[in-house]
C-alpha atoms as a PDB file:
ATOM      1  CA  UNK A   1      12.637  -1.897  -0.431  1.00  0.00           C
ATOM      2  CA  UNK A   2      11.487   0.055   2.581  1.00  0.00           C
ATOM      3  CA  UNK A   3       8.513  -2.279   3.026  1.00  0.00           C
ATOM      4  CA  UNK A   4      10.610  -5.401   3.590  1.00  0.00           C
ATOM      5  CA  UNK A   5      11.631  -4.639   7.211  1.00  0.00           C
ATOM      6  CA  UNK A   6       8.001  -3.982   8.123  1.00  0.00           C
ATOM      7  CA  UNK A   7       6.960  -7.268   6.505  1.00  0.00           C
ATOM      8  CA  UNK A   8       9.635  -9.171   8.384  1.00  0.00           C
ATOM      9  CA  UNK A   9       8.448  -7.617  11.633  1.00  0.00           C
ATOM     10  CA  UNK A  10       5.134  -9.494  11.390  1.00  0.00           C
ATOM     11  CA  UNK A  11       6.484 -13.058  11.790  1.00  0.00           C
ATOM     12  CA  UNK A  12       8.884 -11.847  14.485  1.00  0.00           C
ATOM     13  CA  UNK A  13       5.968 -10.400  16.415  1.00  0.00           C
ATOM     14  CA  UNK A  14       3.974 -13.605  15.971  1.00  0.00           C
ATOM     15  CA  UNK A  15       6.941 -15.667  17.149  1.00  0.00           C
ATOM     16  CA  UNK A  16       7.193 -13.512  20.248  1.00  0.00           C
ATOM     17  CA  UNK A  17       3.472 -13.876  20.918  1.00  0.00           C
ATOM     18  CA  UNK A  18       3.698 -17.673  20.513  1.00  0.00           C
ATOM     19  CA  UNK A  19       6.592 -17.715  22.952  1.00  0.00           C
ATOM     20  CA  UNK A  20       4.643 -15.676  25.501  1.00  0.00           C
ATOM     21  CA  UNK A  21       1.553 -17.828  25.100  1.00  0.00           C
ATOM     22  CA  UNK A  22       3.726 -20.878  25.662  1.00  0.00           C
ATOM     23  CA  UNK A  23       4.985 -19.364  28.909  1.00  0.00           C
ATOM     24  CA  UNK A  24       1.401 -18.659  29.927  1.00  0.00           C
ATOM     25  CA  UNK A  25       0.467 -22.256  29.103  1.00  0.00           C
ATOM     26  CA  UNK A  26       3.288 -23.594  31.264  1.00  0.00           C
ATOM     27  CA  UNK A  27       2.312 -21.245  34.051  1.00  0.00           C
ATOM     28  CA  UNK A  28      -1.287 -22.396  33.705  1.00  0.00           C
ATOM     29  CA  UNK A  29      -0.256 -26.031  34.065  1.00  0.00           C
ATOM     30  CA  UNK A  30       1.799 -25.216  37.152  1.00  0.00           C
ATOM     31  CA  UNK A  31      -1.116 -23.256  38.592  1.00  0.00           C
ATOM     32  CA  UNK A  32      -3.364 -26.221  37.847  1.00  0.00           C
ATOM     33  CA  UNK A  33      -1.093 -28.564  39.789  1.00  0.00           C
ATOM     34  CA  UNK A  34      -0.931 -26.166  42.728  1.00  0.00           C
ATOM     35  CA  UNK A  35      -4.684 -25.675  42.672  1.00  0.00           C
ATOM     36  CA  UNK A  36      -5.329 -29.417  42.594  1.00  0.00           C
ATOM     37  CA  UNK A  37      -2.952 -29.960  45.519  1.00  0.00           C
ATOM     38  CA  UNK A  38      -4.591 -27.123  47.429  1.00  0.00           C
ATOM     39  CA  UNK A  39      -8.045 -28.518  46.710  1.00  0.00           C
ATOM     40  CA  UNK A  40      -7.260 -31.960  48.070  1.00  0.00           C
ATOM     41  CA  UNK A  41      -9.250 -31.263  51.215  1.00  0.00           C
ATOM     42  CA  UNK A  42     -12.297 -29.913  49.424  1.00  0.00           C
ATOM     43  CA  UNK A  43     -15.389 -31.839  48.414  1.00  0.00           C
ATOM     44  CA  UNK A  44     -15.503 -33.973  45.296  1.00  0.00           C
ATOM     45  CA  UNK A  45     -17.959 -31.621  43.584  1.00  0.00           C
ATOM     46  CA  UNK A  46     -15.714 -28.591  44.198  1.00  0.00           C
ATOM     47  CA  UNK A  47     -12.654 -30.453  42.960  1.00  0.00           C
ATOM     48  CA  UNK A  48     -14.500 -31.466  39.787  1.00  0.00           C
ATOM     49  CA  UNK A  49     -15.511 -27.813  39.159  1.00  0.00           C
ATOM     50  CA  UNK A  50     -11.927 -26.589  39.680  1.00  0.00           C
ATOM     51  CA  UNK A  51     -10.434 -29.224  37.392  1.00  0.00           C
ATOM     52  CA  UNK A  52     -13.120 -28.558  34.753  1.00  0.00           C
ATOM     53  CA  UNK A  53     -12.332 -24.836  34.754  1.00  0.00           C
ATOM     54  CA  UNK A  54      -8.620 -25.459  34.449  1.00  0.00           C
ATOM     55  CA  UNK A  55      -9.213 -27.878  31.584  1.00  0.00           C
ATOM     56  CA  UNK A  56     -11.236 -25.295  29.661  1.00  0.00           C
ATOM     57  CA  UNK A  57      -8.540 -22.664  30.228  1.00  0.00           C
ATOM     58  CA  UNK A  58      -5.889 -25.054  28.924  1.00  0.00           C
ATOM     59  CA  UNK A  59      -7.950 -25.785  25.822  1.00  0.00           C
ATOM     60  CA  UNK A  60      -8.353 -22.054  25.141  1.00  0.00           C
ATOM     61  CA  UNK A  61      -4.616 -21.455  25.457  1.00  0.00           C
ATOM     62  CA  UNK A  62      -3.788 -24.408  23.207  1.00  0.00           C
ATOM     63  CA  UNK A  63      -6.215 -23.208  20.540  1.00  0.00           C
ATOM     64  CA  UNK A  64      -4.621 -19.750  20.709  1.00  0.00           C
ATOM     65  CA  UNK A  65      -1.145 -21.225  20.283  1.00  0.00           C
ATOM     66  CA  UNK A  66      -2.285 -23.311  17.299  1.00  0.00           C
ATOM     67  CA  UNK A  67      -3.930 -20.270  15.700  1.00  0.00           C
ATOM     68  CA  UNK A  68      -0.810 -18.118  16.124  1.00  0.00           C
ATOM     69  CA  UNK A  69       1.453 -20.859  14.761  1.00  0.00           C
ATOM     70  CA  UNK A  70      -0.767 -21.184  11.674  1.00  0.00           C
ATOM     71  CA  UNK A  71      -0.623 -17.409  11.111  1.00  0.00           C
ATOM     72  CA  UNK A  72       3.151 -17.460  11.530  1.00  0.00           C
ATOM     73  CA  UNK A  73       3.535 -20.196   8.924  1.00  0.00           C
ATOM     74  CA  UNK A  74       1.264 -18.288   6.537  1.00  0.00           C
ATOM     75  CA  UNK A  75       3.348 -15.130   6.922  1.00  0.00           C
ATOM     76  CA  UNK A  76       6.584 -17.069   6.394  1.00  0.00           C
ATOM     77  CA  UNK A  77       5.262 -18.601   3.172  1.00  0.00           C
ATOM     78  CA  UNK A  78       4.079 -15.204   1.961  1.00  0.00           C
ATOM     79  CA  UNK A  79       7.388 -13.504   2.766  1.00  0.00           C
ATOM     80  CA  UNK A  80       9.383 -16.299   1.156  1.00  0.00           C
ATOM     81  CA  UNK A  81       7.457 -15.934  -2.109  1.00  0.00           C
ATOM     82  CA  UNK A  82       7.786 -12.143  -1.980  1.00  0.00           C
ATOM     83  CA  UNK A  83      11.534 -12.386  -1.421  1.00  0.00           C
ATOM     84  CA  UNK A  84      11.924 -14.756  -4.363  1.00  0.00           C
ATOM     85  CA  UNK A  85       9.902 -12.528  -6.682  1.00  0.00           C
ATOM     86  CA  UNK A  86      11.865  -9.445  -5.579  1.00  0.00           C
ATOM     87  CA  UNK A  87      15.162 -11.252  -6.196  1.00  0.00           C
ATOM     88  CA  UNK A  88      14.042 -12.375  -9.651  1.00  0.00           C
ATOM     89  CA  UNK A  89      13.004  -8.819 -10.538  1.00  0.00           C
ATOM     90  CA  UNK A  90      16.358  -7.458  -9.376  1.00  0.00           C
ATOM     91  CA  UNK A  91      18.288 -10.090 -11.365  1.00  0.00           C
ATOM     92  CA  UNK A  92      16.244  -9.393 -14.499  1.00  0.00           C
ATOM     93  CA  UNK A  93      16.883  -5.680 -14.085  1.00  0.00           C
ATOM     94  CA  UNK A  94      20.625  -6.328 -13.818  1.00  0.00           C
ATOM     95  CA  UNK A  95      20.514  -8.508 -16.922  1.00  0.00           C
ATOM     96  CA  UNK A  96      18.811  -5.727 -18.889  1.00  0.00           C
ATOM     97  CA  UNK A  97      21.203  -3.037 -17.687  1.00  0.00           C
ATOM     98  CA  UNK A  98      24.254  -5.166 -18.439  1.00  0.00           C
ATOM     99  CA  UNK A  99      23.004  -6.154 -21.886  1.00  0.00           C
ATOM    100  CA  UNK A 100      22.634  -9.835 -21.027  1.00  0.00           C
ATOM    101  CA  UNK A 101      19.091  -9.982 -22.435  1.00  0.00           C
ATOM    102  CA  UNK A 102      17.582  -8.914 -25.737  1.00  0.00           C
ATOM    103  CA  UNK A 103      15.240  -5.953 -25.286  1.00  0.00           C
ATOM    104  CA  UNK A 104      12.264  -4.769 -27.332  1.00  0.00           C
ATOM    105  CA  UNK A 105      10.181  -1.634 -26.977  1.00  0.00           C
ATOM    106  CA  UNK A 106       9.310   1.725 -28.517  1.00  0.00           C
ATOM    107  CA  UNK A 107      11.990   4.265 -29.292  1.00  0.00           C
ATOM    108  CA  UNK A 108      13.932   5.898 -32.109  1.00  0.00           C
ATOM    109  CA  UNK A 109      16.368   4.834 -34.792  1.00  0.00           C
ATOM    110  CA  UNK A 110      19.042   7.356 -35.739  1.00  0.00           C
ATOM    111  CA  UNK A 111      20.478   6.606 -39.176  1.00  0.00           C
ATOM    112  CA  UNK A 112      23.798   8.263 -40.005  1.00  0.00           C
ATOM    113  CA  UNK A 113      25.783   7.951 -43.222  1.00  0.00           C
ATOM    114  CA  UNK A 114      29.076   9.746 -43.507  1.00  0.00           C
ATOM    115  CA  UNK A 115      32.403  10.314 -41.769  1.00  0.00           C
ATOM    116  CA  UNK A 116      32.255  10.765 -37.999  1.00  0.00           C
ATOM    117  CA  UNK A 117      34.595  10.648 -35.032  1.00  0.00           C
ATOM    118  CA  UNK A 118      34.303   8.175 -32.195  1.00  0.00           C
ATOM    119  CA  UNK A 119      33.602  11.122 -29.880  1.00  0.00           C
ATOM    120  CA  UNK A 120      30.606  12.102 -32.024  1.00  0.00           C
ATOM    121  CA  UNK A 121      29.084   8.656 -31.596  1.00  0.00           C
ATOM    122  CA  UNK A 122      29.742   8.756 -27.874  1.00  0.00           C
ATOM    123  CA  UNK A 123      28.074  12.166 -27.674  1.00  0.00           C
ATOM    124  CA  UNK A 124      25.005  10.780 -29.450  1.00  0.00           C
ATOM    125  CA  UNK A 125      24.845   7.825 -27.065  1.00  0.00           C
ATOM    126  CA  UNK A 126      25.131  10.114 -24.034  1.00  0.00           C
ATOM    127  CA  UNK A 127      22.466  12.438 -25.471  1.00  0.00           C
ATOM    128  CA  UNK A 128      20.068   9.494 -25.738  1.00  0.00           C
ATOM    129  CA  UNK A 129      20.948   8.208 -22.284  1.00  0.00           C
ATOM    130  CA  UNK A 130      20.340  11.628 -20.773  1.00  0.00           C
ATOM    131  CA  UNK A 131      16.940  11.677 -22.509  1.00  0.00           C
ATOM    132  CA  UNK A 132      15.969   8.404 -20.828  1.00  0.00           C
ATOM    133  CA  UNK A 133      17.032   5.682 -23.276  1.00  0.00           C
ATOM    134  CA  UNK A 134      16.829   2.322 -21.489  1.00  0.00           C
ATOM    135  CA  UNK A 135      18.750   0.245 -24.035  1.00  0.00           C
ATOM    136  CA  UNK A 136      21.020   1.127 -26.958  1.00  0.00           C
ATOM    137  CA  UNK A 137      22.618  -0.597 -29.903  1.00  0.00           C
ATOM    138  CA  UNK A 138      24.464   0.492 -33.019  1.00  0.00           C
ATOM    139  CA  UNK A 139      24.145  -1.786 -36.017  1.00  0.00           C
ATOM    140  CA  UNK A 140      24.347  -5.224 -34.348  1.00  0.00           C
ATOM    141  CA  UNK A 141      26.365  -4.186 -31.313  1.00  0.00           C
ATOM    142  CA  UNK A 142      24.723  -3.657 -27.921  1.00  0.00           C
ATOM    143  CA  UNK A 143      26.024  -0.582 -26.127  1.00  0.00           C
ATOM    144  CA  UNK A 144      26.593  -1.074 -22.400  1.00  0.00           C
ATOM    145  CA  UNK A 145      28.506   0.812 -19.728  1.00  0.00           C
ATOM    146  CA  UNK A 146      31.821  -0.768 -20.736  1.00  0.00           C
ATOM    147  CA  UNK A 147      31.364  -0.200 -24.492  1.00  0.00           C
ATOM    148  CA  UNK A 148      33.994   2.054 -26.070  1.00  0.00           C
ATOM    149  CA  UNK A 149      34.067   3.793 -29.454  1.00  0.00           C
ATOM    150  CA  UNK A 150      37.321   4.357 -31.297  1.00  0.00           C
ATOM    151  CA  UNK A 151      38.523   5.501 -34.725  1.00  0.00           C
ATOM    152  CA  UNK A 152      37.249   8.215 -37.033  1.00  0.00           C
ATOM    153  CA  UNK A 153      35.993   8.741 -40.546  1.00  0.00           C
ATOM    154  CA  UNK A 154      34.545   5.493 -41.795  1.00  0.00           C
ATOM    155  CA  UNK A 155      36.789   3.343 -39.589  1.00  0.00           C
ATOM    156  CA  UNK A 156      34.810   3.380 -36.361  1.00  0.00           C
ATOM    157  CA  UNK A 157      34.754   0.482 -33.923  1.00  0.00           C
ATOM    158  CA  UNK A 158      32.701  -0.341 -30.841  1.00  0.00           C
ATOM    159  CA  UNK A 159      33.245  -3.226 -28.427  1.00  0.00           C
ATOM    160  CA  UNK A 160      36.423  -3.851 -30.436  1.00  0.00           C
ATOM    161  CA  UNK A 161      34.457  -4.607 -33.609  1.00  0.00           C
ATOM    162  CA  UNK A 162      34.387  -2.509 -36.816  1.00  0.00           C
ATOM    163  CA  UNK A 163      31.286  -0.531 -37.734  1.00  0.00           C
ATOM    164  CA  UNK A 164      30.306  -0.061 -41.358  1.00  0.00           C
ATOM    165  CA  UNK A 165      28.170   2.903 -42.477  1.00  0.00           C
ATOM    166  CA  UNK A 166      25.355   3.582 -42.654  1.00  0.00           C
ATOM    167  CA  UNK A 167      25.145   3.493 -38.884  1.00  0.00           C
ATOM    168  CA  UNK A 168      21.812   2.592 -37.273  1.00  0.00           C
ATOM    169  CA  UNK A 169      21.774   3.781 -33.675  1.00  0.00           C
ATOM    170  CA  UNK A 170      18.742   2.257 -31.949  1.00  0.00           C
ATOM    171  CA  UNK A 171      17.418   3.485 -28.618  1.00  0.00           C
ATOM    172  CA  UNK A 172      14.553   1.975 -26.606  1.00  0.00           C
ATOM    173  CA  UNK A 173      12.644   4.510 -24.532  1.00  0.00           C
ATOM    174  CA  UNK A 174       9.949   7.174 -24.743  1.00  0.00           C
ATOM    175  CA  UNK A 175      10.017   7.883 -28.473  1.00  0.00           C
ATOM    176  CA  UNK A 176       8.722  11.476 -28.334  1.00  0.00           C
ATOM    177  CA  UNK A 177      11.185  12.460 -25.609  1.00  0.00           C
ATOM    178  CA  UNK A 178      14.138  10.884 -27.408  1.00  0.00           C
ATOM    179  CA  UNK A 179      13.206  12.545 -30.691  1.00  0.00           C
ATOM    180  CA  UNK A 180      12.839  15.978 -29.094  1.00  0.00           C
ATOM    181  CA  UNK A 181      16.182  15.643 -27.331  1.00  0.00           C
ATOM    182  CA  UNK A 182      17.969  14.887 -30.612  1.00  0.00           C
ATOM    183  CA  UNK A 183      16.210  17.426 -32.854  1.00  0.00           C
ATOM    184  CA  UNK A 184      15.924  20.361 -30.489  1.00  0.00           C
ATOM    185  CA  UNK A 185      17.185  23.709 -31.718  1.00  0.00           C
ATOM    186  CA  UNK A 186      20.903  23.984 -31.090  1.00  0.00           C
ATOM    187  CA  UNK A 187      21.044  20.258 -30.285  1.00  0.00           C
ATOM    188  CA  UNK A 188      23.591  17.646 -31.220  1.00  0.00           C
ATOM    189  CA  UNK A 189      22.057  16.640 -34.564  1.00  0.00           C
ATOM    190  CA  UNK A 190      22.085  20.265 -35.748  1.00  0.00           C
ATOM    191  CA  UNK A 191      25.711  20.552 -34.631  1.00  0.00           C
ATOM    192  CA  UNK A 192      26.762  17.383 -36.490  1.00  0.00           C
ATOM    193  CA  UNK A 193      25.006  18.408 -39.689  1.00  0.00           C
ATOM    194  CA  UNK A 194      26.736  21.789 -39.617  1.00  0.00           C
ATOM    195  CA  UNK A 195      30.114  20.251 -38.776  1.00  0.00           C
ATOM    196  CA  UNK A 196      29.958  17.521 -41.457  1.00  0.00           C
ATOM    197  CA  UNK A 197      28.204  19.013 -44.529  1.00  0.00           C
ATOM    198  CA  UNK A 198      28.033  15.666 -46.339  1.00  0.00           C
ATOM    199  CA  UNK A 199      26.570  13.803 -43.371  1.00  0.00           C
ATOM    200  CA  UNK A 200      23.130  12.215 -43.770  1.00  0.00           C
ATOM    201  CA  UNK A 201      21.101  12.027 -40.561  1.00  0.00           C
ATOM    202  CA  UNK A 202      17.572  10.745 -40.070  1.00  0.00           C
ATOM    203  CA  UNK A 203      15.679  10.277 -36.794  1.00  0.00           C
ATOM    204  CA  UNK A 204      12.648   7.982 -36.962  1.00  0.00           C
ATOM    205  CA  UNK A 205      10.284   6.980 -34.174  1.00  0.00           C
ATOM    206  CA  UNK A 206       9.189   3.342 -34.080  1.00  0.00           C
ATOM    207  CA  UNK A 207       6.647   1.435 -32.022  1.00  0.00           C
ATOM    208  CA  UNK A 208       8.928  -1.556 -31.586  1.00  0.00           C
ATOM    209  CA  UNK A 209      12.705  -1.636 -31.635  1.00  0.00           C
ATOM    210  CA  UNK A 210      14.786  -4.672 -30.741  1.00  0.00           C
ATOM    211  CA  UNK A 211      18.329  -4.378 -29.458  1.00  0.00           C
ATOM    212  CA  UNK A 212      20.509  -7.504 -29.267  1.00  0.00           C
ATOM    213  CA  UNK A 213      22.280  -8.789 -26.198  1.00  0.00           C
ATOM    214  CA  UNK A 214      25.864  -7.858 -25.390  1.00  0.00           C
ATOM    215  CA  UNK A 215      27.947 -10.529 -27.101  1.00  0.00           C
ATOM    216  CA  UNK A 216      31.150 -10.270 -25.098  1.00  0.00           C
ATOM    217  CA  UNK A 217      29.725 -11.174 -21.701  1.00  0.00           C
ATOM    218  CA  UNK A 218      31.474 -10.390 -18.422  1.00  0.00           C
ATOM    219  CA  UNK A 219      34.520 -12.056 -16.900  1.00  0.00           C
ATOM    220  CA  UNK A 220      36.267 -10.716 -13.808  1.00  0.00           C
ATOM    221  CA  UNK A 221      39.858 -11.784 -13.272  1.00  0.00           C
ATOM    222  CA  UNK A 222      40.735  -9.568 -10.329  1.00  0.00           C
ATOM    223  CA  UNK A 223      37.496  -8.184  -8.898  1.00  0.00           C
ATOM    224  CA  UNK A 224      35.380 -10.141  -6.448  1.00  0.00           C
ATOM    225  CA  UNK A 225      32.467  -9.386  -4.155  1.00  0.00           C
ATOM    226  CA  UNK A 226      33.330  -8.950  -0.500  1.00  0.00           C
ATOM    227  CA  UNK A 227      31.901 -11.628   1.769  1.00  0.00           C
END
């Protein structure tokens, strides 16, 4: 993002140069008229030499203006394409973060079978997020910032929909890092297994995990962007 102002400075500088060259060209024309008037009393050969020199100077200035205008147009086309690509990248990033696109990548699948509280599931999700998970889903429900767990035992819900065990919590990210975060000594998995003796937990790394899009979408009734 810091490079954009410097890129925009280039066409502004070229525009300024074109403007200055235009002023020089106008001044050159005025000087030509004054020189021709002043040379009225000189010989024909001298007048021809003066006019020839002024003509060459005018041609040089015009070529310079044309060259600068071409460079300016090239920079504008380049910046326009860069801006579009940057906007597309930002929109795609927002779509991924908000769960509006299906995501695939390496990561881990945490399989749990047993009675849990909603807070336990939320703790697992936060543990994975803190370890760098880029996308999460449980069973067929995408987990986004507005997702909420509720219930306990085998009556858990997320995004307002019931979850049936066994629960498959999928996380896309660096598989080794995610696995270490979950299975570290004194970590959350160890705590859950000691708290719920009948709970089955398995953490498996996978090369490709797919998490679905967020089905509920986003609708704002009261919030709006300031203009």
